[in-house]
């Protein structure tokens, strides 16, 4: 819960809160914690909606779990929590298992972390070396199908424009810029 209350050094909310999880989940996608407690989708988003951050920030979830794909539809339809404001900005990036994956898990051929490894390679490669064929082959070879779901209002997210006071504060904190004369 404290994660969503975090702010920048100057007291503002972050534009983006990035929450990554790779670990055990219940069959319905709920996150299992080490003390036999769990984080449900409703609880996670209640924390998000209760924080002031949800008013101006977006929440990016990246889950490398075997059951988090079951949250995709709820996020798209925003059926997870009725107490949230309607224009909440959330995205979930995860994967769907192929049909034969339970048998492969038993054989130890598929394990958590493979999704993260491929996702990081894809996102860290420079644009010239990225080919959809290579990444699709990696997903298929590991019996994973990447999935992403956006909340209904996610496309309306905008970064906050700095005010004149914000610019003045920034310039006063960075002494080397005092010699420059900005017109705004």
Protein backbone atom coordinates (compact mmCIF):
# COMPACT_ATOMS: atom_id res chain seq x y z
CA UNK A 1 0.00 0.00 0.00
CA UNK A 2 2.89 2.36 0.78
CA UNK A 3 4.26 1.78 -2.73
CA UNK A 4 1.39 3.76 -4.27
CA UNK A 5 1.94 6.65 -1.84
CA UNK A 6 5.56 7.17 -2.94
CA UNK A 7 6.42 10.51 -4.49
CA UNK A 8 9.30 12.24 -6.20
CA UNK A 9 11.79 14.29 -4.16
CA UNK A 10 9.79 17.45 -4.76
CA UNK A 11 6.58 15.86 -3.44
CA UNK A 12 4.81 15.14 -6.72
CA UNK A 13 3.32 11.83 -7.74
CA UNK A 14 5.23 9.78 -10.28
CA UNK A 15 3.72 9.70 -13.78
CA UNK A 16 4.03 5.92 -13.87
CA UNK A 17 4.04 3.30 -11.13
CA UNK A 18 5.58 0.03 -12.33
CA UNK A 19 4.67 -3.13 -10.38
CA UNK A 20 6.42 -6.39 -11.33
CA UNK A 21 5.66 -9.79 -9.85
CA UNK A 22 7.02 -13.25 -10.60
CA UNK A 23 5.99 -15.96 -8.21
CA UNK A 24 3.21 -18.23 -7.03
CA UNK A 25 -0.44 -17.45 -7.66
CA UNK A 26 -3.79 -19.04 -6.92
CA UNK A 27 -5.74 -20.61 -9.78
CA UNK A 28 -7.73 -17.36 -10.15
CA UNK A 29 -4.56 -15.23 -10.48
CA UNK A 30 -4.39 -13.88 -6.92
CA UNK A 31 -0.83 -13.30 -5.71
CA UNK A 32 0.32 -15.62 -2.90
CA UNK A 33 2.55 -14.00 -0.28
CA UNK A 34 5.05 -15.75 1.98
CA UNK A 35 2.90 -15.38 5.12
CA UNK A 36 -0.03 -17.35 3.62
CA UNK A 37 -1.83 -14.16 2.71
CA UNK A 38 -2.76 -13.14 -0.79
CA UNK A 39 -3.28 -10.02 -2.84
CA UNK A 40 -6.46 -10.17 -4.87
CA UNK A 41 -7.16 -8.02 -7.88
CA UNK A 42 -9.79 -6.14 -5.87
CA UNK A 43 -7.34 -5.48 -3.03
CA UNK A 44 -4.55 -4.31 -5.35
CA UNK A 45 -6.84 -1.86 -7.10
CA UNK A 46 -8.46 -0.72 -3.89
CA UNK A 47 -4.98 0.31 -2.74
CA UNK A 48 -4.40 2.02 -6.09
CA UNK A 49 -7.74 3.84 -6.10
CA UNK A 50 -7.37 4.92 -2.47
CA UNK A 51 -4.05 6.57 -3.24
CA UNK A 52 -4.00 10.05 -4.70
CA UNK A 53 -1.62 8.71 -7.35
CA UNK A 54 -4.47 7.12 -9.28
CA UNK A 55 -5.83 10.59 -10.10
CA UNK A 56 -2.85 11.63 -12.22
CA UNK A 57 -0.68 8.54 -12.73
CA UNK A 58 -0.82 5.26 -14.56
CA UNK A 59 -0.19 1.82 -13.12
CA UNK A 60 1.79 -0.66 -15.23
CA UNK A 61 1.63 -4.28 -14.05
CA UNK A 62 4.01 -6.89 -15.46
CA UNK A 63 3.29 -10.36 -14.10
CA UNK A 64 5.37 -13.45 -14.85
CA UNK A 65 2.98 -15.99 -13.33
CA UNK A 66 1.07 -18.98 -14.62
CA UNK A 67 -2.41 -17.64 -13.76
CA UNK A 68 -2.33 -13.85 -14.05
CA UNK A 69 -3.88 -14.03 -17.53
CA UNK A 70 -7.18 -14.55 -15.71
CA UNK A 71 -7.11 -10.86 -14.66
CA UNK A 72 -6.93 -9.56 -18.25
CA UNK A 73 -10.67 -9.36 -18.94
CA UNK A 74 -11.43 -7.75 -15.58
CA UNK A 75 -8.91 -4.99 -16.26
CA UNK A 76 -10.22 -4.39 -19.77
CA UNK A 77 -13.82 -4.18 -18.53
CA UNK A 78 -12.85 -2.45 -15.26
CA UNK A 79 -15.01 -4.87 -13.31
CA UNK A 80 -12.45 -5.28 -10.52
CA UNK A 81 -13.66 -2.60 -8.15
CA UNK A 82 -16.72 -0.39 -8.18
CA UNK A 83 -15.23 2.13 -5.76
CA UNK A 84 -12.56 3.23 -8.26
CA UNK A 85 -13.11 6.36 -10.24
CA UNK A 86 -14.09 5.54 -13.83
CA UNK A 87 -10.99 7.00 -15.50
CA UNK A 88 -8.33 4.86 -13.85
CA UNK A 89 -5.24 4.18 -16.02
CA UNK A 90 -4.03 0.57 -15.73
CA UNK A 91 -2.23 -1.87 -18.01
CA UNK A 92 -1.38 -5.54 -17.39
CA UNK A 93 1.34 -7.31 -19.40
CA UNK A 94 1.47 -11.06 -18.86
CA UNK A 95 1.22 -14.28 -20.84
CA UNK A 96 -1.23 -17.04 -21.56
CA UNK A 97 -0.12 -20.64 -21.35
CA UNK A 98 -0.43 -22.95 -24.30
CA UNK A 99 -2.58 -26.04 -23.75
CA UNK A 100 0.32 -28.46 -23.21
CA UNK A 101 2.14 -26.30 -20.66
CA UNK A 102 0.85 -28.10 -17.50
CA UNK A 103 2.60 -31.28 -18.66
CA UNK A 104 5.75 -29.30 -19.52
CA UNK A 105 5.71 -27.71 -16.04
CA UNK A 106 5.60 -31.17 -14.48
CA UNK A 107 8.58 -32.21 -16.61
CA UNK A 108 10.47 -29.06 -15.55
CA UNK A 109 10.70 -27.73 -19.11
CA UNK A 110 8.80 -24.50 -18.36
CA UNK A 111 9.47 -22.34 -15.33
CA UNK A 112 8.71 -18.86 -14.08
CA UNK A 113 11.12 -16.25 -15.37
CA UNK A 114 11.10 -17.30 -19.02
CA UNK A 115 8.46 -14.67 -19.86
CA UNK A 116 10.51 -11.97 -18.10
CA UNK A 117 13.68 -13.00 -19.93
CA UNK A 118 12.07 -12.81 -23.38
CA UNK A 119 10.16 -9.61 -22.52
CA UNK A 120 13.35 -7.88 -21.36
CA UNK A 121 15.30 -8.97 -24.45
CA UNK A 122 12.55 -7.59 -26.66
CA UNK A 123 12.30 -4.28 -24.79
CA UNK A 124 16.04 -3.73 -24.38
CA UNK A 125 17.05 -4.48 -27.97
CA UNK A 126 17.61 -1.49 -30.22
CA UNK A 127 14.98 -0.87 -32.88
CA UNK A 128 17.18 -2.05 -35.77
CA UNK A 129 17.71 -5.50 -34.27
CA UNK A 130 14.08 -6.10 -33.33
CA UNK A 131 12.18 -8.41 -35.61
CA UNK A 132 8.74 -9.73 -34.88
CA UNK A 133 9.75 -13.09 -36.34
CA UNK A 134 12.51 -13.60 -33.75
CA UNK A 135 10.35 -12.62 -30.79
CA UNK A 136 7.40 -14.70 -32.01
CA UNK A 137 9.70 -17.71 -32.38
CA UNK A 138 10.96 -17.21 -28.80
CA UNK A 139 7.43 -17.06 -27.42
CA UNK A 140 6.35 -20.17 -29.36
CA UNK A 141 9.49 -22.11 -28.45
CA UNK A 142 8.72 -21.51 -24.78
CA UNK A 143 4.99 -22.30 -25.15
CA UNK A 144 3.94 -18.79 -24.12
CA UNK A 145 1.54 -16.34 -25.70
CA UNK A 146 2.13 -12.73 -24.56
CA UNK A 147 -1.03 -10.86 -23.56
CA UNK A 148 -1.70 -7.26 -22.65
CA UNK A 149 -4.84 -5.59 -21.37
CA UNK A 150 -5.56 -1.88 -20.96
CA UNK A 151 -8.20 -0.33 -18.76
CA UNK A 152 -10.94 1.40 -20.72
CA UNK A 153 -9.63 4.94 -20.16
CA UNK A 154 -5.91 4.12 -20.53
CA UNK A 155 -5.62 5.71 -24.01
CA UNK A 156 -6.71 9.04 -22.49
CA UNK A 157 -3.69 9.18 -20.15
CA UNK A 158 -1.63 12.37 -20.52
CA UNK A 159 1.56 13.44 -18.84
CA UNK A 160 1.14 16.53 -16.70
CA UNK A 161 2.52 19.69 -18.27
CA UNK A 162 4.87 21.67 -16.02
CA UNK A 163 3.61 25.06 -14.88
CA UNK A 164 5.70 28.24 -14.82
CA UNK A 165 6.23 27.67 -11.09
CA UNK A 166 7.53 24.16 -11.85
CA UNK A 167 10.03 25.56 -14.34
CA UNK A 168 11.13 28.27 -11.87
CA UNK A 169 11.65 25.66 -9.16
CA UNK A 170 13.66 23.44 -11.50
CA UNK A 171 15.87 26.33 -12.58
CA UNK A 172 16.48 27.41 -8.99
CA UNK A 173 17.52 23.87 -8.03
CA UNK A 174 20.00 23.57 -10.91
CA UNK A 175 22.49 26.36 -10.47
CA UNK A 176 24.30 25.80 -13.75
CA UNK A 177 21.10 26.87 -15.54
CA UNK A 178 20.95 30.29 -13.83
CA UNK A 179 23.03 31.85 -16.60
CA UNK A 180 20.49 30.85 -19.21
CA UNK A 181 17.51 33.07 -19.85
CA UNK A 182 14.41 31.09 -20.71
CA UNK A 183 11.35 32.73 -22.19
CA UNK A 184 8.10 31.03 -21.30
